Each structure stands twice: as structure tokens, then as C-alpha cells.
Amino acid sequence: LDTMDDHQHGHVPYVLLLLHFLEQWKQSHDGNAPS
């Protein structure tokens, strides 16, 4: 995601964005999603 060009970065479906950032969140919260 960080290496995508601006056009690609601005067109990633938000469902995939949320799934991607959820995984990052879990890594810093003992594997738990926001509750």
C-alpha cells in the first residue's frame, strides 16, 4: 500500500483498506479487534 502510486492508492476499495488496517491494529493490541 505504501509503495502504490497516488492513483492506485486513491482507488483501493475501502473494504480492503479496513481489513488491511485491522490486521495492523491487531498486531499492536494482542490480536484483538476494536471492541
PDB file of all heavy atoms in Angstrom:
ATOM      1  N   LEU A   1       0.819  -1.210   0.000  1.00  0.00           N
ATOM      2  CA  LEU A   1       0.000   0.000   0.000  1.00  0.00           C
ATOM      3  C   LEU A   1       0.853   1.261   0.000  1.00  0.00           C
ATOM      4  O   LEU A   1       0.556   2.223  -0.720  1.00  0.00           O
ATOM      5  CB  LEU A   1      -0.947  -0.013   1.213  1.00  0.00           C
ATOM      6  CG  LEU A   1      -1.970   1.130   1.293  1.00  0.00           C
ATOM      7  CD1 LEU A   1      -2.947   1.060   0.128  1.00  0.00           C
ATOM      8  CD2 LEU A   1      -2.722   1.067   2.621  1.00  0.00           C
ATOM      9  N   ASP A   2       1.921   1.259   0.773  1.00  0.00           N
ATOM     10  CA  ASP A   2       2.759   2.458   0.894  1.00  0.00           C
ATOM     11  C   ASP A   2       3.512   2.778  -0.391  1.00  0.00           C
ATOM     12  O   ASP A   2       3.907   3.926  -0.624  1.00  0.00           O
ATOM     13  CB  ASP A   2       3.757   2.286   2.051  1.00  0.00           C
ATOM     14  CG  ASP A   2       3.051   2.257   3.397  1.00  0.00           C
ATOM     15  OD1 ASP A   2       1.917   2.771   3.479  1.00  0.00           O
ATOM     16  OD2 ASP A   2       3.621   1.700   4.355  1.00  0.00           O
ATOM     17  N   THR A   3       3.734   1.768  -1.227  1.00  0.00           N
ATOM     18  CA  THR A   3       4.513   1.988  -2.456  1.00  0.00           C
ATOM     19  C   THR A   3       3.633   2.228  -3.681  1.00  0.00           C
ATOM     20  O   THR A   3       4.138   2.420  -4.781  1.00  0.00           O
ATOM     21  CB  THR A   3       5.424   0.772  -2.719  1.00  0.00           C
ATOM     22  OG1 THR A   3       4.611  -0.407  -2.897  1.00  0.00           O
ATOM     23  CG2 THR A   3       6.383   0.558  -1.545  1.00  0.00           C
ATOM     24  N   MET A   4       2.330   2.198  -3.496  1.00  0.00           N
ATOM     25  CA  MET A   4       1.425   2.443  -4.628  1.00  0.00           C
ATOM     26  C   MET A   4       1.529   3.887  -5.088  1.00  0.00           C
ATOM     27  O   MET A   4       1.806   4.786  -4.283  1.00  0.00           O
ATOM     28  CB  MET A   4      -0.032   2.173  -4.212  1.00  0.00           C
ATOM     29  CG  MET A   4      -0.391   0.729  -4.031  1.00  0.00           C
ATOM     30  SD  MET A   4      -2.167   0.577  -3.602  1.00  0.00           S
ATOM     31  CE  MET A   4      -2.305  -1.207  -3.475  1.00  0.00           C
ATOM     32  N   ASP A   5       1.278   4.093  -6.384  1.00  0.00           N
ATOM     33  CA  ASP A   5       1.242   5.478  -6.849  1.00  0.00           C
ATOM     34  C   ASP A   5      -0.069   6.119  -6.370  1.00  0.00           C
ATOM     35  O   ASP A   5      -0.967   5.437  -5.859  1.00  0.00           O
ATOM     36  CB  ASP A   5       1.376   5.555  -8.368  1.00  0.00           C
ATOM     37  CG  ASP A   5       0.250   4.851  -9.125  1.00  0.00           C
ATOM     38  OD1 ASP A   5      -0.920   4.972  -8.702  1.00  0.00           O
ATOM     39  OD2 ASP A   5       0.537   4.171 -10.136  1.00  0.00           O
ATOM     40  N   ASP A   6      -0.179   7.433  -6.523  1.00  0.00           N
ATOM     41  CA  ASP A   6      -1.319   8.153  -5.955  1.00  0.00           C
ATOM     42  C   ASP A   6      -2.659   7.677  -6.521  1.00  0.00           C
ATOM     43  O   ASP A   6      -3.663   7.590  -5.801  1.00  0.00           O
ATOM     44  CB  ASP A   6      -1.171   9.654  -6.205  1.00  0.00           C
ATOM     45  CG  ASP A   6      -0.083  10.268  -5.334  1.00  0.00           C
ATOM     46  OD1 ASP A   6       0.220   9.675  -4.271  1.00  0.00           O
ATOM     47  OD2 ASP A   6       0.454  11.320  -5.709  1.00  0.00           O
ATOM     48  N   HIS A   7      -2.676   7.365  -7.819  1.00  0.00           N
ATOM     49  CA  HIS A   7      -3.928   6.923  -8.428  1.00  0.00           C
ATOM     50  C   HIS A   7      -4.381   5.598  -7.826  1.00  0.00           C
ATOM     51  O   HIS A   7      -5.558   5.435  -7.450  1.00  0.00           O
ATOM     52  CB  HIS A   7      -3.767   6.778  -9.943  1.00  0.00           C
ATOM     53  CG  HIS A   7      -5.022   6.320 -10.633  1.00  0.00           C
ATOM     54  ND1 HIS A   7      -6.085   7.154 -10.862  1.00  0.00           N
ATOM     55  CD2 HIS A   7      -5.380   5.094 -11.130  1.00  0.00           C
ATOM     56  CE1 HIS A   7      -7.051   6.481 -11.472  1.00  0.00           C
ATOM     57  NE2 HIS A   7      -6.647   5.221 -11.643  1.00  0.00           N
ATOM     58  N   GLN A   8      -3.476   4.637  -7.724  1.00  0.00           N
ATOM     59  CA  GLN A   8      -3.830   3.341  -7.138  1.00  0.00           C
ATOM     60  C   GLN A   8      -4.223   3.497  -5.668  1.00  0.00           C
ATOM     61  O   GLN A   8      -5.210   2.915  -5.212  1.00  0.00           O
ATOM     62  CB  GLN A   8      -2.643   2.382  -7.260  1.00  0.00           C
ATOM     63  CG  GLN A   8      -2.306   1.961  -8.682  1.00  0.00           C
ATOM     64  CD  GLN A   8      -1.052   1.099  -8.729  1.00  0.00           C
ATOM     65  OE1 GLN A   8      -0.069   1.373  -8.018  1.00  0.00           O
ATOM     66  NE2 GLN A   8      -1.088   0.072  -9.558  1.00  0.00           N
ATOM     67  N   HIS A   9      -3.461   4.304  -4.928  1.00  0.00           N
ATOM     68  CA  HIS A   9      -3.710   4.493  -3.504  1.00  0.00           C
ATOM     69  C   HIS A   9      -5.098   5.090  -3.261  1.00  0.00           C
ATOM     70  O   HIS A   9      -5.767   4.763  -2.266  1.00  0.00           O
ATOM     71  CB  HIS A   9      -2.633   5.417  -2.918  1.00  0.00           C
ATOM     72  CG  HIS A   9      -2.556   5.399  -1.428  1.00  0.00           C
ATOM     73  ND1 HIS A   9      -3.246   6.281  -0.636  1.00  0.00           N
ATOM     74  CD2 HIS A   9      -1.853   4.595  -0.589  1.00  0.00           C
ATOM     75  CE1 HIS A   9      -2.970   6.026   0.639  1.00  0.00           C
ATOM     76  NE2 HIS A   9      -2.129   5.014   0.699  1.00  0.00           N
ATOM     77  N   GLY A  10      -5.553   5.945  -4.158  1.00  0.00           N
ATOM     78  CA  GLY A  10      -6.850   6.597  -4.005  1.00  0.00           C
ATOM     79  C   GLY A  10      -8.010   5.788  -4.542  1.00  0.00           C
ATOM     80  O   GLY A  10      -9.151   6.267  -4.504  1.00  0.00           O
ATOM     81  N   HIS A  11      -7.741   4.575  -5.041  1.00  0.00           N
ATOM     82  CA  HIS A  11      -8.810   3.754  -5.609  1.00  0.00           C
ATOM     83  C   HIS A  11      -8.877   2.352  -5.005  1.00  0.00           C
ATOM     84  O   HIS A  11      -9.589   1.487  -5.534  1.00  0.00           O
ATOM     85  CB  HIS A  11      -8.643   3.638  -7.132  1.00  0.00           C
ATOM     86  CG  HIS A  11      -9.015   4.896  -7.856  1.00  0.00           C
ATOM     87  ND1 HIS A  11      -8.174   5.986  -7.918  1.00  0.00           N
ATOM     88  CD2 HIS A  11     -10.144   5.251  -8.535  1.00  0.00           C
ATOM     89  CE1 HIS A  11      -8.752   6.953  -8.623  1.00  0.00           C
ATOM     90  NE2 HIS A  11      -9.952   6.531  -8.998  1.00  0.00           N
ATOM     91  N   VAL A  12      -8.207   2.108  -3.885  1.00  0.00           N
ATOM     92  CA  VAL A  12      -8.324   0.819  -3.212  1.00  0.00           C
ATOM     93  C   VAL A  12      -9.703   0.754  -2.550  1.00  0.00           C
ATOM     94  O   VAL A  12     -10.074   1.663  -1.798  1.00  0.00           O
ATOM     95  CB  VAL A  12      -7.229   0.645  -2.136  1.00  0.00           C
ATOM     96  CG1 VAL A  12      -7.428  -0.671  -1.381  1.00  0.00           C
ATOM     97  CG2 VAL A  12      -5.847   0.692  -2.776  1.00  0.00           C
ATOM     98  N   PRO A  13     -10.504  -0.268  -2.794  1.00  0.00           N
ATOM     99  CA  PRO A  13     -11.830  -0.364  -2.169  1.00  0.00           C
ATOM    100  C   PRO A  13     -11.725  -0.272  -0.650  1.00  0.00           C
ATOM    101  O   PRO A  13     -10.850  -0.892  -0.047  1.00  0.00           O
ATOM    102  CB  PRO A  13     -12.332  -1.749  -2.619  1.00  0.00           C
ATOM    103  CG  PRO A  13     -11.600  -2.029  -3.885  1.00  0.00           C
ATOM    104  CD  PRO A  13     -10.242  -1.411  -3.713  1.00  0.00           C
ATOM    105  N   TYR A  14     -12.623   0.500  -0.047  1.00  0.00           N
ATOM    106  CA  TYR A  14     -12.491   0.763   1.389  1.00  0.00           C
ATOM    107  C   TYR A  14     -12.637  -0.506   2.233  1.00  0.00           C
ATOM    108  O   TYR A  14     -12.107  -0.587   3.341  1.00  0.00           O
ATOM    109  CB  TYR A  14     -13.472   1.838   1.839  1.00  0.00           C
ATOM    110  CG  TYR A  14     -14.898   1.403   2.078  1.00  0.00           C
ATOM    111  CD1 TYR A  14     -15.258   0.749   3.257  1.00  0.00           C
ATOM    112  CD2 TYR A  14     -15.905   1.693   1.159  1.00  0.00           C
ATOM    113  CE1 TYR A  14     -16.564   0.374   3.493  1.00  0.00           C
ATOM    114  CE2 TYR A  14     -17.205   1.322   1.402  1.00  0.00           C
ATOM    115  CZ  TYR A  14     -17.541   0.660   2.560  1.00  0.00           C
ATOM    116  OH  TYR A  14     -18.833   0.289   2.793  1.00  0.00           O
ATOM    117  N   VAL A  15     -13.328  -1.510   1.718  1.00  0.00           N
ATOM    118  CA  VAL A  15     -13.444  -2.783   2.455  1.00  0.00           C
ATOM    119  C   VAL A  15     -12.069  -3.400   2.651  1.00  0.00           C
ATOM    120  O   VAL A  15     -11.718  -3.864   3.747  1.00  0.00           O
ATOM    121  CB  VAL A  15     -14.371  -3.755   1.697  1.00  0.00           C
ATOM    122  CG1 VAL A  15     -14.307  -5.154   2.308  1.00  0.00           C
ATOM    123  CG2 VAL A  15     -15.804  -3.240   1.712  1.00  0.00           C
ATOM    124  N   LEU A  16     -11.260  -3.375   1.592  1.00  0.00           N
ATOM    125  CA  LEU A  16      -9.908  -3.934   1.694  1.00  0.00           C
ATOM    126  C   LEU A  16      -9.024  -3.058   2.571  1.00  0.00           C
ATOM    127  O   LEU A  16      -8.162  -3.563   3.302  1.00  0.00           O
ATOM    128  CB  LEU A  16      -9.306  -4.087   0.295  1.00  0.00           C
ATOM    129  CG  LEU A  16     -10.054  -5.044  -0.647  1.00  0.00           C
ATOM    130  CD1 LEU A  16      -9.321  -5.157  -1.986  1.00  0.00           C
ATOM    131  CD2 LEU A  16     -10.199  -6.418  -0.010  1.00  0.00           C
ATOM    132  N   LEU A  17      -9.235  -1.747   2.513  1.00  0.00           N
ATOM    133  CA  LEU A  17      -8.468  -0.856   3.387  1.00  0.00           C
ATOM    134  C   LEU A  17      -8.719  -1.192   4.854  1.00  0.00           C
ATOM    135  O   LEU A  17      -7.790  -1.305   5.655  1.00  0.00           O
ATOM    136  CB  LEU A  17      -8.849   0.602   3.119  1.00  0.00           C
ATOM    137  CG  LEU A  17      -8.341   1.242   1.829  1.00  0.00           C
ATOM    138  CD1 LEU A  17      -8.894   2.662   1.691  1.00  0.00           C
ATOM    139  CD2 LEU A  17      -6.818   1.270   1.791  1.00  0.00           C
ATOM    140  N   LEU A  18      -9.983  -1.353   5.215  1.00  0.00           N
ATOM    141  CA  LEU A  18     -10.319  -1.642   6.606  1.00  0.00           C
ATOM    142  C   LEU A  18      -9.758  -2.991   7.051  1.00  0.00           C
ATOM    143  O   LEU A  18      -9.250  -3.123   8.173  1.00  0.00           O
ATOM    144  CB  LEU A  18     -11.837  -1.611   6.801  1.00  0.00           C
ATOM    145  CG  LEU A  18     -12.492  -0.226   6.714  1.00  0.00           C
ATOM    146  CD1 LEU A  18     -14.006  -0.334   6.820  1.00  0.00           C
ATOM    147  CD2 LEU A  18     -11.952   0.698   7.802  1.00  0.00           C
ATOM    148  N   LEU A  19      -9.825  -3.988   6.180  1.00  0.00           N
ATOM    149  CA  LEU A  19      -9.251  -5.293   6.530  1.00  0.00           C
ATOM    150  C   LEU A  19      -7.740  -5.187   6.727  1.00  0.00           C
ATOM    151  O   LEU A  19      -7.170  -5.783   7.652  1.00  0.00           O
ATOM    152  CB  LEU A  19      -9.570  -6.309   5.426  1.00  0.00           C
ATOM    153  CG  LEU A  19     -11.015  -6.828   5.382  1.00  0.00           C
ATOM    154  CD1 LEU A  19     -11.253  -7.606   4.094  1.00  0.00           C
ATOM    155  CD2 LEU A  19     -11.288  -7.727   6.591  1.00  0.00           C
ATOM    156  N   HIS A  20      -7.099  -4.424   5.868  1.00  0.00           N
ATOM    157  CA  HIS A  20      -5.644  -4.236   5.953  1.00  0.00           C
ATOM    158  C   HIS A  20      -5.249  -3.550   7.258  1.00  0.00           C
ATOM    159  O   HIS A  20      -4.348  -4.007   7.981  1.00  0.00           O
ATOM    160  CB  HIS A  20      -5.185  -3.402   4.750  1.00  0.00           C
ATOM    161  CG  HIS A  20      -3.743  -3.022   4.795  1.00  0.00           C
ATOM    162  ND1 HIS A  20      -2.721  -3.925   4.572  1.00  0.00           N
ATOM    163  CD2 HIS A  20      -3.138  -1.811   5.045  1.00  0.00           C
ATOM    164  CE1 HIS A  20      -1.557  -3.298   4.679  1.00  0.00           C
ATOM    165  NE2 HIS A  20      -1.787  -2.024   4.966  1.00  0.00           N
ATOM    166  N   PHE A  21      -5.955  -2.473   7.593  1.00  0.00           N
ATOM    167  CA  PHE A  21      -5.605  -1.731   8.805  1.00  0.00           C
ATOM    168  C   PHE A  21      -6.043  -2.472  10.076  1.00  0.00           C
ATOM    169  O   PHE A  21      -5.440  -2.295  11.139  1.00  0.00           O
ATOM    170  CB  PHE A  21      -6.223  -0.334   8.760  1.00  0.00           C
ATOM    171  CG  PHE A  21      -5.624   0.544   7.702  1.00  0.00           C
ATOM    172  CD1 PHE A  21      -6.416   1.238   6.795  1.00  0.00           C
ATOM    173  CD2 PHE A  21      -4.237   0.679   7.592  1.00  0.00           C
ATOM    174  CE1 PHE A  21      -5.864   2.039   5.810  1.00  0.00           C
ATOM    175  CE2 PHE A  21      -3.673   1.492   6.610  1.00  0.00           C
ATOM    176  CZ  PHE A  21      -4.476   2.170   5.713  1.00  0.00           C
ATOM    177  N   LEU A  22      -7.058  -3.317   9.960  1.00  0.00           N
ATOM    178  CA  LEU A  22      -7.455  -4.132  11.105  1.00  0.00           C
ATOM    179  C   LEU A  22      -6.332  -5.090  11.500  1.00  0.00           C
ATOM    180  O   LEU A  22      -6.062  -5.311  12.691  1.00  0.00           O
ATOM    181  CB  LEU A  22      -8.724  -4.936  10.782  1.00  0.00           C
ATOM    182  CG  LEU A  22     -10.065  -4.259  11.064  1.00  0.00           C
ATOM    183  CD1 LEU A  22     -11.208  -5.099  10.526  1.00  0.00           C
ATOM    184  CD2 LEU A  22     -10.239  -4.013  12.560  1.00  0.00           C
ATOM    185  N   GLU A  23      -5.664  -5.659  10.501  1.00  0.00           N
ATOM    186  CA  GLU A  23      -4.552  -6.559  10.796  1.00  0.00           C
ATOM    187  C   GLU A  23      -3.428  -5.812  11.488  1.00  0.00           C
ATOM    188  O   GLU A  23      -2.799  -6.324  12.428  1.00  0.00           O
ATOM    189  CB  GLU A  23      -4.054  -7.218   9.499  1.00  0.00           C
ATOM    190  CG  GLU A  23      -4.976  -8.297   8.959  1.00  0.00           C
ATOM    191  CD  GLU A  23      -5.247  -9.378   9.997  1.00  0.00           C
ATOM    192  OE1 GLU A  23      -4.281  -9.901  10.574  1.00  0.00           O
ATOM    193  OE2 GLU A  23      -6.429  -9.684  10.235  1.00  0.00           O
ATOM    194  N   GLN A  24      -3.161  -4.606  11.035  1.00  0.00           N
ATOM    195  CA  GLN A  24      -2.122  -3.809  11.698  1.00  0.00           C
ATOM    196  C   GLN A  24      -2.529  -3.475  13.141  1.00  0.00           C
ATOM    197  O   GLN A  24      -1.710  -3.516  14.057  1.00  0.00           O
ATOM    198  CB  GLN A  24      -1.875  -2.529  10.901  1.00  0.00           C
ATOM    199  CG  GLN A  24      -1.243  -2.757   9.527  1.00  0.00           C
ATOM    200  CD  GLN A  24      -0.891  -1.450   8.835  1.00  0.00           C
ATOM    201  OE1 GLN A  24      -0.983  -0.366   9.412  1.00  0.00           O
ATOM    202  NE2 GLN A  24      -0.440  -1.546   7.577  1.00  0.00           N
ATOM    203  N   TRP A  25      -3.792  -3.152  13.329  1.00  0.00           N
ATOM    204  CA  TRP A  25      -4.287  -2.843  14.678  1.00  0.00           C
ATOM    205  C   TRP A  25      -4.125  -4.057  15.602  1.00  0.00           C
ATOM    206  O   TRP A  25      -3.693  -3.933  16.748  1.00  0.00           O
ATOM    207  CB  TRP A  25      -5.749  -2.412  14.591  1.00  0.00           C
ATOM    208  CG  TRP A  25      -6.431  -2.229  15.927  1.00  0.00           C
ATOM    209  CD1 TRP A  25      -6.997  -3.203  16.694  1.00  0.00           C
ATOM    210  CD2 TRP A  25      -6.600  -1.013  16.653  1.00  0.00           C
ATOM    211  NE1 TRP A  25      -7.529  -2.685  17.840  1.00  0.00           N
ATOM    212  CE2 TRP A  25      -7.299  -1.329  17.851  1.00  0.00           C
ATOM    213  CE3 TRP A  25      -6.259   0.323  16.421  1.00  0.00           C
ATOM    214  CZ2 TRP A  25      -7.639  -0.365  18.785  1.00  0.00           C
ATOM    215  CZ3 TRP A  25      -6.613   1.273  17.363  1.00  0.00           C
ATOM    216  CH2 TRP A  25      -7.285   0.930  18.537  1.00  0.00           C
ATOM    217  N   LYS A  26      -4.496  -5.207  15.116  1.00  0.00           N
ATOM    218  CA  LYS A  26      -4.441  -6.422  15.935  1.00  0.00           C
ATOM    219  C   LYS A  26      -3.016  -6.719  16.389  1.00  0.00           C
ATOM    220  O   LYS A  26      -2.795  -7.208  17.504  1.00  0.00           O
ATOM    221  CB  LYS A  26      -4.995  -7.611  15.148  1.00  0.00           C
ATOM    222  CG  LYS A  26      -6.498  -7.567  14.925  1.00  0.00           C
ATOM    223  CD  LYS A  26      -6.954  -8.757  14.089  1.00  0.00           C
ATOM    224  CE  LYS A  26      -8.444  -8.711  13.816  1.00  0.00           C
ATOM    225  NZ  LYS A  26      -8.869  -9.860  12.969  1.00  0.00           N
ATOM    226  N   GLN A  27      -2.057  -6.427  15.527  1.00  0.00           N
ATOM    227  CA  GLN A  27      -0.659  -6.719  15.873  1.00  0.00           C
ATOM    228  C   GLN A  27      -0.203  -5.931  17.085  1.00  0.00           C
ATOM    229  O   GLN A  27       0.660  -6.386  17.835  1.00  0.00           O
ATOM    230  CB  GLN A  27       0.236  -6.414  14.665  1.00  0.00           C
ATOM    231  CG  GLN A  27       0.034  -7.375  13.498  1.00  0.00           C
ATOM    232  CD  GLN A  27       0.827  -6.975  12.268  1.00  0.00           C
ATOM    233  OE1 GLN A  27       1.687  -6.075  12.338  1.00  0.00           O
ATOM    234  NE2 GLN A  27       0.543  -7.614  11.147  1.00  0.00           N
ATOM    235  N   SER A  28      -0.787  -4.761  17.306  1.00  0.00           N
ATOM    236  CA  SER A  28      -0.395  -3.950  18.461  1.00  0.00           C
ATOM    237  C   SER A  28      -1.409  -3.990  19.601  1.00  0.00           C
ATOM    238  O   SER A  28      -1.282  -3.257  20.574  1.00  0.00           O
ATOM    239  CB  SER A  28      -0.191  -2.490  18.023  1.00  0.00           C
ATOM    240  OG  SER A  28      -1.372  -1.968  17.452  1.00  0.00           O
ATOM    241  N   HIS A  29      -2.415  -4.887  19.468  1.00  0.00           N
ATOM    242  CA  HIS A  29      -3.438  -4.986  20.508  1.00  0.00           C
ATOM    243  C   HIS A  29      -3.724  -6.450  20.845  1.00  0.00           C
ATOM    244  O   HIS A  29      -4.883  -6.866  21.000  1.00  0.00           O
ATOM    245  CB  HIS A  29      -4.736  -4.291  20.061  1.00  0.00           C
ATOM    246  CG  HIS A  29      -4.641  -2.795  19.984  1.00  0.00           C
ATOM    247  ND1 HIS A  29      -4.033  -2.154  18.928  1.00  0.00           N
ATOM    248  CD2 HIS A  29      -5.057  -1.803  20.836  1.00  0.00           C
ATOM    249  CE1 HIS A  29      -4.083  -0.839  19.123  1.00  0.00           C
ATOM    250  NE2 HIS A  29      -4.689  -0.605  20.276  1.00  0.00           N
ATOM    251  N   ASP A  30      -2.672  -7.227  20.939  1.00  0.00           N
ATOM    252  CA  ASP A  30      -2.767  -8.639  21.355  1.00  0.00           C
ATOM    253  C   ASP A  30      -3.725  -9.442  20.485  1.00  0.00           C
ATOM    254  O   ASP A  30      -4.424 -10.349  20.969  1.00  0.00           O
ATOM    255  CB  ASP A  30      -3.220  -8.731  22.821  1.00  0.00           C
ATOM    256  CG  ASP A  30      -2.243  -8.044  23.778  1.00  0.00           C
ATOM    257  OD1 ASP A  30      -1.020  -8.125  23.517  1.00  0.00           O
ATOM    258  OD2 ASP A  30      -2.702  -7.430  24.747  1.00  0.00           O
ATOM    259  N   GLY A  31      -3.775  -9.109  19.207  1.00  0.00           N
ATOM    260  CA  GLY A  31      -4.606  -9.873  18.277  1.00  0.00           C
ATOM    261  C   GLY A  31      -6.089  -9.563  18.350  1.00  0.00           C
ATOM    262  O   GLY A  31      -6.903 -10.265  17.733  1.00  0.00           O
ATOM    263  N   ASN A  32      -6.465  -8.505  19.072  1.00  0.00           N
ATOM    264  CA  ASN A  32      -7.879  -8.171  19.239  1.00  0.00           C
ATOM    265  C   ASN A  32      -8.296  -7.006  18.343  1.00  0.00           C
ATOM    266  O   ASN A  32      -7.543  -6.047  18.175  1.00  0.00           O
ATOM    267  CB  ASN A  32      -8.175  -7.802  20.694  1.00  0.00           C
ATOM    268  CG  ASN A  32      -7.905  -8.949  21.641  1.00  0.00           C
ATOM    269  OD1 ASN A  32      -8.249 -10.097  21.340  1.00  0.00           O
ATOM    270  ND2 ASN A  32      -7.279  -8.655  22.776  1.00  0.00           N
ATOM    271  N   ALA A  33      -9.492  -7.096  17.812  1.00  0.00           N
ATOM    272  CA  ALA A  33     -10.054  -6.001  17.015  1.00  0.00           C
ATOM    273  C   ALA A  33     -10.653  -4.951  17.953  1.00  0.00           C
ATOM    274  O   ALA A  33     -10.896  -5.244  19.128  1.00  0.00           O
ATOM    275  CB  ALA A  33     -11.136  -6.542  16.074  1.00  0.00           C
ATOM    276  N   PRO A  34     -10.880  -3.744  17.482  1.00  0.00           N
ATOM    277  CA  PRO A  34     -11.543  -2.730  18.324  1.00  0.00           C
ATOM    278  C   PRO A  34     -12.890  -3.250  18.812  1.00  0.00           C
ATOM    279  O   PRO A  34     -13.704  -3.725  18.004  1.00  0.00           O
ATOM    280  CB  PRO A  34     -11.725  -1.539  17.369  1.00  0.00           C
ATOM    281  CG  PRO A  34     -10.710  -1.741  16.303  1.00  0.00           C
ATOM    282  CD  PRO A  34     -10.547  -3.215  16.141  1.00  0.00           C
ATOM    283  N   SER A  35     -13.138  -3.166  20.123  1.00  0.00           N
ATOM    284  CA  SER A  35     -14.343  -3.791  20.672  1.00  0.00           C
ATOM    285  C   SER A  35     -15.304  -2.815  21.350  1.00  0.00           C
ATOM    286  O   SER A  35     -16.433  -3.182  21.647  1.00  0.00           O
ATOM    287  CB  SER A  35     -13.948  -4.873  21.685  1.00  0.00           C
ATOM    288  OG  SER A  35     -13.179  -4.309  22.739  1.00  0.00           O
TER     289      SER A  35
END
